[in-house]
Amino acid sequence: MPERIAVLGSTGSIGSQTLDVLKEFPEEFSVEILIAGNNVDILARQARQFRPHMVVIGNTDHYPRLKEELRDTNIKIYAGAEAIEQVVASESVDVVVASIVGYSGLRPTVSAIKAGKKIALANKETLVVAGEIISKLVRETGSHIIPVDSEHSAILQCLTGESDNDIEKITLTASGGPFLNWSSEMLNNVIPAEALRHPNWDMGSKVTIDSASLMNKGLEVIEARWLFDLAPEQISVIIHPQSVIHSFVHFTDGSVKAQLGVPDMRIPILYALTYPNRLRSDLPRLDFKDYQTLTFTEPDLEKFQNLSLAFHALREGGNMCCILNAANEMAVHAFLSEKIGFLQMPDVVRHTMESNLFSPHPDLDLLEFTDKRSREVASKYINKLYNKR
């Protein structure tokens, strides 16, 4: 029987690429559930192509239109956050691809974990916000989290077969984004269109901006801490503009393993779906003749302060990473709306982290409150910055 897949965030960049992968392997996978937040047109088109058992639209306002779009099918249609949490726990689902971007992906992923599902995790915010809680749930329920991010997929691949060997540290690679060689003066005048032009990867707007500011790498550092049970000092970051080496694992005997491949998210998506096995595919191959030089430099933490803020949040623990994430989501939205400048995004994050919101031992309810309150603090500061412009 094919594995039955629920795609959480099917209309986004990772969700769409996941469906590209699934359609190539109809004997291995069947699309059981498609879930989106607002994009009715794309969701309806995907539903007609893949004929899932169910579709869910997060925004209940769009339910009547989605129902009308699919009126001539026998697909079950639901709407709302509660429906999403219920369907991902359904007995008819084997694997949940968690690809909703941002905090909104946390509750559905928790629901799937509680139901013991295998999670192909692309929503890094789940572990950023609630890593300790998620790790405990996984142990209790027997669920499995397989990372989709290329960097964490690389680490997993390097660790396969090494369960009895100690890790000294890991090194996550970062492309450096479109502004790697820009001066701080140049960054003062960055516009959203420039930040959205990533040199290597095809990603959604939020992740692309995070990559440009190096916050994406900071979030991946936090995620790696929980995925691989590491201390903050065991995680480092190196700038690798070619995006060919996706990460390194350093072992205690001095050996280093790395995973290489072309920058194409469909490759780690396929690996997450088939782990620990590999399926033969027609996905692009790495040709070293195209990459005669591979370079590495230390990240500039003065110019890209979000990365150091993420390390600080990780060391603080508690709900500080939740505060960081909420503030960053608000800052990215404000930058894309041209309310603040590129270099003001870390200012928003820092200001919010310095507010009196820290709690050392949060539960999910407190994290919910933290997220809401942090967004309020960030919003007020963004408005203050906007009024000064």
Protein backbone atom coordinates (compact mmCIF):
# COMPACT_ATOMS: atom_id res chain seq x y z
CA MET A 1 0.00 0.00 0.00
CA PRO A 2 1.27 3.50 -0.78
CA GLU A 3 2.02 5.70 2.21
CA ARG A 4 -0.83 8.15 2.76
CA ILE A 5 0.37 11.75 2.91
CA ALA A 6 -1.14 14.87 4.43
CA VAL A 7 0.47 18.06 3.15
CA LEU A 8 0.13 20.83 5.70
CA GLY A 9 0.68 24.05 3.76
CA SER A 10 0.24 22.54 0.31
CA THR A 11 0.00 25.86 -1.58
CA GLY A 12 3.32 27.25 -0.30
CA SER A 13 6.77 26.75 -1.76
CA ILE A 14 7.67 23.55 0.12
CA GLY A 15 4.13 22.19 -0.14
CA SER A 16 4.05 22.70 -3.90
CA GLN A 17 7.46 21.09 -4.33
CA THR A 18 6.34 18.19 -2.16
CA LEU A 19 3.44 17.58 -4.53
CA ASP A 20 5.88 17.71 -7.45
CA VAL A 21 7.79 14.89 -5.78
CA LEU A 22 4.69 12.86 -4.85
CA LYS A 23 3.28 12.84 -8.37
CA GLU A 24 6.45 11.13 -9.63
CA PHE A 25 5.93 8.16 -7.29
CA PRO A 26 2.25 7.16 -7.43
CA GLU A 27 3.03 3.59 -6.38
CA GLU A 28 4.86 4.77 -3.26
CA PHE A 29 2.64 7.64 -2.07
CA SER A 30 -0.97 8.75 -2.19
CA VAL A 31 -2.14 12.26 -1.33
CA GLU A 32 -4.73 11.84 1.43
CA ILE A 33 -5.19 15.41 2.69
CA LEU A 34 -4.31 18.87 1.38
CA ILE A 35 -4.32 21.80 3.80
CA ALA A 36 -3.86 25.50 3.07
CA GLY A 37 -4.40 28.77 4.87
CA ASN A 38 -5.95 31.17 2.36
CA ASN A 39 -5.12 30.32 -1.24
CA VAL A 40 -8.38 28.85 -2.49
CA ASP A 41 -7.47 28.92 -6.18
CA ILE A 42 -4.28 26.90 -5.84
CA LEU A 43 -5.82 24.53 -3.26
CA ALA A 44 -8.77 23.79 -5.54
CA ARG A 45 -6.46 23.20 -8.49
CA GLN A 46 -4.29 20.84 -6.42
CA ALA A 47 -7.38 19.00 -5.20
CA ARG A 48 -8.56 18.41 -8.76
CA GLN A 49 -5.13 17.13 -9.79
CA PHE A 50 -4.41 14.84 -6.83
CA ARG A 51 -7.95 13.90 -5.74
CA PRO A 52 -7.27 13.70 -1.99
CA HIS A 53 -9.80 12.29 0.43
CA MET A 54 -10.04 15.64 2.23
CA VAL A 55 -9.07 19.30 1.83
CA VAL A 56 -9.00 21.91 4.59
CA ILE A 57 -8.81 25.69 4.31
CA GLY A 58 -7.60 27.41 7.46
CA ASN A 59 -9.46 30.66 6.90
CA THR A 60 -13.14 29.82 7.46
CA ASP A 61 -14.20 32.82 5.36
CA HIS A 62 -13.02 30.92 2.28
CA TYR A 63 -15.00 27.75 3.00
CA PRO A 64 -18.06 28.61 0.85
CA ARG A 65 -15.92 29.43 -2.16
CA LEU A 66 -13.79 26.29 -1.81
CA LYS A 67 -16.94 24.19 -1.48
CA GLU A 68 -18.29 25.76 -4.65
CA GLU A 69 -15.01 25.22 -6.52
CA LEU A 70 -15.09 21.50 -5.70
CA ARG A 71 -18.86 20.95 -5.80
CA ASP A 72 -18.64 18.34 -8.58
CA THR A 73 -16.14 16.15 -6.68
CA ASN A 74 -16.55 13.73 -3.79
CA ILE A 75 -13.71 15.37 -1.82
CA LYS A 76 -14.59 16.17 1.78
CA ILE A 77 -14.13 19.84 2.58
CA TYR A 78 -13.44 21.36 5.99
CA ALA A 79 -12.32 24.70 7.37
CA GLY A 80 -10.71 26.23 10.45
CA ALA A 81 -7.80 25.61 12.82
CA GLU A 82 -9.64 22.92 14.78
CA ALA A 83 -10.40 20.97 11.62
CA ILE A 84 -6.73 21.09 10.63
CA GLU A 85 -5.66 19.68 14.01
CA GLN A 86 -8.22 16.90 13.70
CA VAL A 87 -7.47 15.75 10.15
CA VAL A 88 -3.69 15.50 10.59
CA ALA A 89 -4.35 13.04 13.44
CA SER A 90 -6.67 10.94 11.26
CA GLU A 91 -6.10 7.19 11.07
CA SER A 92 -6.05 7.50 7.29
CA VAL A 93 -2.76 9.44 7.43
CA ASP A 94 0.71 7.87 7.65
CA VAL A 95 2.96 10.90 7.08
CA VAL A 96 2.35 14.59 7.70
CA VAL A 97 4.46 17.02 5.70
CA ALA A 98 4.51 20.07 7.99
CA SER A 99 5.31 22.94 5.64
CA ILE A 100 3.22 25.82 6.97
CA VAL A 101 5.57 28.76 7.53
CA GLY A 102 5.65 30.43 10.94
CA TYR A 103 4.11 29.96 14.36
CA SER A 104 0.77 28.88 12.89
CA GLY A 105 2.26 25.48 12.08
CA LEU A 106 2.86 24.62 15.75
CA ARG A 107 -0.57 23.38 16.91
CA PRO A 108 -1.26 21.13 13.89
CA THR A 109 2.20 19.59 14.17
CA VAL A 110 1.66 18.93 17.88
CA SER A 111 -1.64 17.24 17.02
CA ALA A 112 0.08 14.98 14.47
CA ILE A 113 2.85 14.11 16.93
CA LYS A 114 0.33 13.21 19.63
CA ALA A 115 -1.26 10.84 17.12
CA GLY A 116 2.11 9.16 16.58
CA LYS A 117 2.53 10.22 12.95
CA LYS A 118 5.77 10.41 11.05
CA ILE A 119 6.46 14.12 10.52
CA ALA A 120 8.42 15.41 7.53
CA LEU A 121 9.22 18.74 9.17
CA ALA A 122 9.74 21.86 7.08
CA ASN A 123 8.15 24.19 9.63
CA LYS A 124 11.27 25.05 11.61
CA GLU A 125 9.30 27.35 13.92
CA THR A 126 7.74 24.30 15.61
CA LEU A 127 11.06 23.36 17.19
CA VAL A 128 12.23 26.95 17.52
CA VAL A 129 9.22 27.91 19.64
CA ALA A 130 8.60 24.67 21.53
CA GLY A 131 11.63 22.43 21.08
CA GLU A 132 11.68 21.03 24.61
CA ILE A 133 7.95 20.30 24.61
CA ILE A 134 8.07 18.75 21.13
CA SER A 135 11.06 16.54 22.00
CA LYS A 136 9.25 15.19 25.05
CA LEU A 137 6.08 14.51 23.05
CA VAL A 138 8.02 12.62 20.39
CA ARG A 139 9.58 10.38 23.04
CA GLU A 140 6.19 9.72 24.66
CA THR A 141 4.18 9.03 21.51
CA GLY A 142 6.65 7.16 19.30
CA SER A 143 6.28 9.76 16.59
CA HIS A 144 9.26 10.40 14.30
CA ILE A 145 10.46 13.79 13.04
CA ILE A 146 12.46 13.71 9.81
CA PRO A 147 13.81 17.14 8.81
CA VAL A 148 13.12 18.59 5.38
CA ASP A 149 15.44 21.61 5.58
CA SER A 150 18.47 20.85 3.41
CA GLU A 151 20.90 21.61 6.24
CA HIS A 152 19.22 19.32 8.77
CA SER A 153 18.66 16.66 6.14
CA ALA A 154 22.40 16.81 5.48
CA ILE A 155 23.18 16.33 9.18
CA LEU A 156 20.78 13.38 9.38
CA GLN A 157 22.37 11.76 6.34
CA CYS A 158 25.85 12.22 7.79
CA LEU A 159 24.73 10.68 11.09
CA THR A 160 23.06 7.62 9.57
CA GLY A 161 25.08 4.59 10.67
CA GLU A 162 26.94 6.62 13.30
CA SER A 163 24.63 6.06 16.28
CA ASP A 164 27.41 4.67 18.48
CA ASN A 165 29.86 7.47 17.68
CA ASP A 166 30.07 10.76 19.54
CA ILE A 167 29.61 14.08 17.75
CA GLU A 168 32.05 16.87 18.54
CA LYS A 169 29.99 19.51 16.74
CA ILE A 170 28.02 20.27 13.60
CA THR A 171 28.48 23.10 11.11
CA LEU A 172 25.47 24.45 9.24
CA THR A 173 26.23 26.10 5.93
CA ALA A 174 24.59 29.35 4.83
CA SER A 175 24.59 30.83 1.35
CA GLY A 176 24.87 34.35 2.76
CA GLY A 177 21.87 35.44 0.71
CA PRO A 178 21.86 38.24 -1.87
CA PHE A 179 23.69 40.76 0.35
CA LEU A 180 26.74 38.77 1.35
CA ASN A 181 29.21 41.34 0.00
CA TRP A 182 27.15 44.47 0.62
CA SER A 183 28.34 47.10 3.06
CA SER A 184 26.20 48.26 5.99
CA GLU A 185 25.70 51.55 4.18
CA MET A 186 24.31 49.71 1.15
CA LEU A 187 22.05 47.60 3.37
CA ASN A 188 20.44 50.78 4.71
CA ASN A 189 18.80 51.27 1.32
CA VAL A 190 17.69 47.70 0.55
CA ILE A 191 14.17 47.36 -0.83
CA PRO A 192 12.04 44.19 -0.52
CA ALA A 193 12.37 43.29 -4.21
CA GLU A 194 16.16 43.08 -3.82
CA ALA A 195 15.91 40.96 -0.67
CA LEU A 196 13.54 38.54 -2.42
CA ARG A 197 16.09 37.70 -5.13
CA HIS A 198 17.90 34.76 -3.56
CA PRO A 199 20.94 33.69 -5.61
CA ASN A 200 20.50 29.92 -5.16
CA TRP A 201 17.20 28.78 -3.67
CA ASP A 202 13.55 29.07 -4.73
CA MET A 203 11.65 29.73 -1.49
CA GLY A 204 8.62 31.58 -0.18
CA SER A 205 8.90 35.28 0.65
CA LYS A 206 9.21 34.94 4.44
CA VAL A 207 11.98 32.33 4.29
CA THR A 208 13.76 34.29 1.55
CA ILE A 209 13.85 37.45 3.68
CA ASP A 210 15.02 35.41 6.66
CA SER A 211 17.80 34.01 4.49
CA ALA A 212 18.85 37.51 3.43
CA SER A 213 19.05 38.64 7.08
CA LEU A 214 20.61 35.33 8.29
CA MET A 215 17.68 34.85 10.67
CA ASN A 216 16.85 31.70 8.74
CA LYS A 217 20.21 30.28 9.77
CA GLY A 218 19.60 31.37 13.34
CA LEU A 219 16.29 29.52 13.39
CA GLU A 220 18.03 26.46 11.92
CA VAL A 221 20.62 26.59 14.70
CA ILE A 222 17.83 26.45 17.28
CA GLU A 223 16.08 23.67 15.38
CA ALA A 224 19.31 21.65 15.14
CA ARG A 225 19.76 21.84 18.90
CA TRP A 226 16.51 19.89 19.39
CA LEU A 227 16.68 17.61 16.37
CA PHE A 228 20.11 16.27 17.26
CA ASP A 229 20.20 16.84 21.04
CA LEU A 230 23.18 19.20 20.99
CA ALA A 231 24.40 21.98 23.24
CA PRO A 232 24.49 25.51 21.71
CA GLU A 233 28.30 25.48 21.71
CA GLN A 234 28.27 22.35 19.53
CA ILE A 235 26.62 24.22 16.65
CA SER A 236 28.45 26.59 14.32
CA VAL A 237 27.66 28.36 11.05
CA ILE A 238 29.85 28.92 8.00
CA ILE A 239 29.07 30.97 4.89
CA HIS A 240 29.23 28.83 1.74
CA PRO A 241 27.90 30.89 -1.21
CA GLN A 242 27.72 27.98 -3.68
CA SER A 243 25.15 26.04 -1.55
CA VAL A 244 26.64 22.71 -2.62
CA ILE A 245 27.77 21.41 0.78
CA HIS A 246 24.64 21.49 2.91
CA SER A 247 26.26 20.87 6.30
CA PHE A 248 29.09 19.10 8.14
CA VAL A 249 29.30 16.72 11.09
CA HIS A 250 32.56 16.74 13.10
CA PHE A 251 33.33 13.56 15.05
CA THR A 252 35.49 13.22 18.14
CA ASP A 253 38.23 11.33 16.27
CA GLY A 254 38.85 14.33 14.02
CA SER A 255 36.85 13.02 11.06
CA VAL A 256 34.36 15.27 9.26
CA LYS A 257 31.46 14.13 7.07
CA ALA A 258 29.55 16.37 4.68
CA GLN A 259 26.53 15.94 2.43
CA LEU A 260 26.57 17.52 -1.02
CA GLY A 261 23.98 18.14 -3.71
CA VAL A 262 22.57 20.78 -6.00
CA PRO A 263 20.43 23.44 -4.29
CA ASP A 264 17.05 21.85 -5.01
CA MET A 265 14.57 21.35 -2.15
CA ARG A 266 12.93 18.38 -3.86
CA ILE A 267 15.96 16.24 -2.97
CA PRO A 268 15.68 16.60 0.84
CA ILE A 269 11.88 16.43 0.55
CA LEU A 270 12.14 13.03 -1.16
CA TYR A 271 14.68 11.82 1.42
CA ALA A 272 12.40 12.87 4.30
CA LEU A 273 9.51 10.94 2.75
CA THR A 274 11.53 7.76 2.17
CA TYR A 275 13.98 7.80 5.13
CA PRO A 276 15.98 5.68 5.82
CA ASN A 277 15.69 4.40 2.25
CA ARG A 278 16.34 6.18 -1.04
CA LEU A 279 14.26 6.06 -4.22
CA ARG A 280 15.79 6.41 -7.64
CA SER A 281 14.73 9.76 -9.09
CA ASP A 282 15.29 12.03 -12.07
CA LEU A 283 16.11 15.00 -9.83
CA PRO A 284 19.16 17.12 -10.80
CA ARG A 285 22.61 15.67 -10.24
CA LEU A 286 25.65 17.46 -8.91
CA ASP A 287 28.34 17.91 -11.56
CA PHE A 288 31.60 19.06 -10.00
CA LYS A 289 32.67 20.60 -13.32
CA ASP A 290 30.02 23.26 -12.64
CA TYR A 291 31.49 24.02 -9.21
CA GLN A 292 35.25 24.18 -9.57
CA THR A 293 35.60 26.41 -6.50
CA LEU A 294 33.89 25.97 -3.13
CA THR A 295 34.47 28.81 -0.66
CA PHE A 296 33.84 29.32 3.05
CA THR A 297 33.91 32.40 5.29
CA GLU A 298 32.83 33.27 8.81
CA PRO A 299 29.46 35.09 9.08
CA ASP A 300 29.65 38.83 9.77
CA LEU A 301 27.68 39.10 13.02
CA GLU A 302 27.99 42.88 13.10
CA LYS A 303 26.35 43.27 9.73
CA PHE A 304 23.88 40.40 10.17
CA GLN A 305 22.91 40.64 13.83
CA ASN A 306 19.92 38.28 13.65
CA LEU A 307 22.21 35.26 13.80
CA SER A 308 23.78 36.38 17.08
CA LEU A 309 20.31 37.17 18.48
CA ALA A 310 19.22 33.61 17.69
CA PHE A 311 22.25 32.14 19.48
CA HIS A 312 21.48 34.38 22.47
CA ALA A 313 17.85 33.22 22.55
CA LEU A 314 18.97 29.58 22.41
CA ARG A 315 21.35 30.04 25.32
CA GLU A 316 18.65 31.82 27.37
CA GLY A 317 16.15 28.99 26.83
CA GLY A 318 12.62 29.12 28.24
CA ASN A 319 10.28 31.10 26.01
CA MET A 320 13.02 33.37 24.63
CA CYS A 321 13.10 31.58 21.27
CA CYS A 322 9.32 32.04 21.04
CA ILE A 323 9.83 35.78 21.63
CA LEU A 324 12.55 35.87 18.98
CA ASN A 325 10.37 34.07 16.44
CA ALA A 326 7.26 36.22 17.00
CA ALA A 327 9.25 39.45 16.77
CA ASN A 328 10.98 38.28 13.62
CA GLU A 329 7.71 37.35 11.91
CA MET A 330 6.41 40.84 12.67
CA ALA A 331 9.65 42.45 11.50
CA VAL A 332 9.67 40.55 8.20
CA HIS A 333 6.05 41.51 7.52
CA ALA A 334 6.85 45.15 8.32
CA PHE A 335 9.89 45.13 6.02
CA LEU A 336 7.91 43.59 3.16
CA SER A 337 5.25 46.28 3.76
CA GLU A 338 8.03 48.91 3.63
CA LYS A 339 7.27 50.13 7.15
CA ILE A 340 10.84 49.52 8.35
CA GLY A 341 14.23 49.16 6.71
CA PHE A 342 16.27 45.98 6.29
CA LEU A 343 18.68 46.84 9.12
CA GLN A 344 15.80 47.68 11.44
CA MET A 345 14.53 44.10 11.52
CA PRO A 346 17.10 43.00 14.15
CA ASP A 347 16.29 46.17 16.11
CA VAL A 348 12.67 45.00 16.37
CA VAL A 349 13.77 41.52 17.46
CA ARG A 350 16.23 42.84 20.04
CA HIS A 351 13.71 45.30 21.51
CA THR A 352 11.11 42.57 21.90
CA MET A 353 13.58 40.16 23.46
CA GLU A 354 14.50 42.83 26.02
CA SER A 355 10.88 43.29 27.14
CA ASN A 356 9.70 41.65 30.35
CA LEU A 357 8.23 38.54 28.74
CA PHE A 358 10.78 35.88 29.67
CA SER A 359 9.66 32.69 31.41
CA PRO A 360 12.09 29.80 32.08
CA HIS A 361 9.57 26.90 31.97
CA PRO A 362 6.70 27.59 29.56
CA ASP A 363 3.94 25.17 28.56
CA LEU A 364 2.02 25.41 25.29
CA ASP A 365 -0.54 27.82 26.75
CA LEU A 366 2.17 30.14 28.00
CA LEU A 367 3.90 29.96 24.62
CA GLU A 368 0.59 30.96 23.03
CA PHE A 369 0.43 33.98 25.34
CA THR A 370 4.11 34.76 24.72
CA ASP A 371 3.61 34.72 20.97
CA LYS A 372 0.61 37.05 21.16
CA ARG A 373 2.20 39.46 23.62
CA SER A 374 5.51 39.54 21.72
CA ARG A 375 3.71 40.47 18.53
CA GLU A 376 2.01 43.34 20.35
CA VAL A 377 5.34 44.62 21.68
CA ALA A 378 6.98 44.28 18.26
CA SER A 379 4.05 45.99 16.54
CA LYS A 380 4.25 49.03 18.82
CA TYR A 381 7.96 49.34 18.21
CA ILE A 382 7.52 48.96 14.45
CA ASN A 383 4.95 51.77 14.47
CA LYS A 384 7.38 53.92 16.44
CA LEU A 385 10.12 53.30 13.87
CA TYR A 386 7.71 53.93 11.00
CA ASN A 387 6.57 57.26 12.44
CA LYS A 388 10.20 58.38 12.66
CA ARG A 389 10.92 57.72 8.98
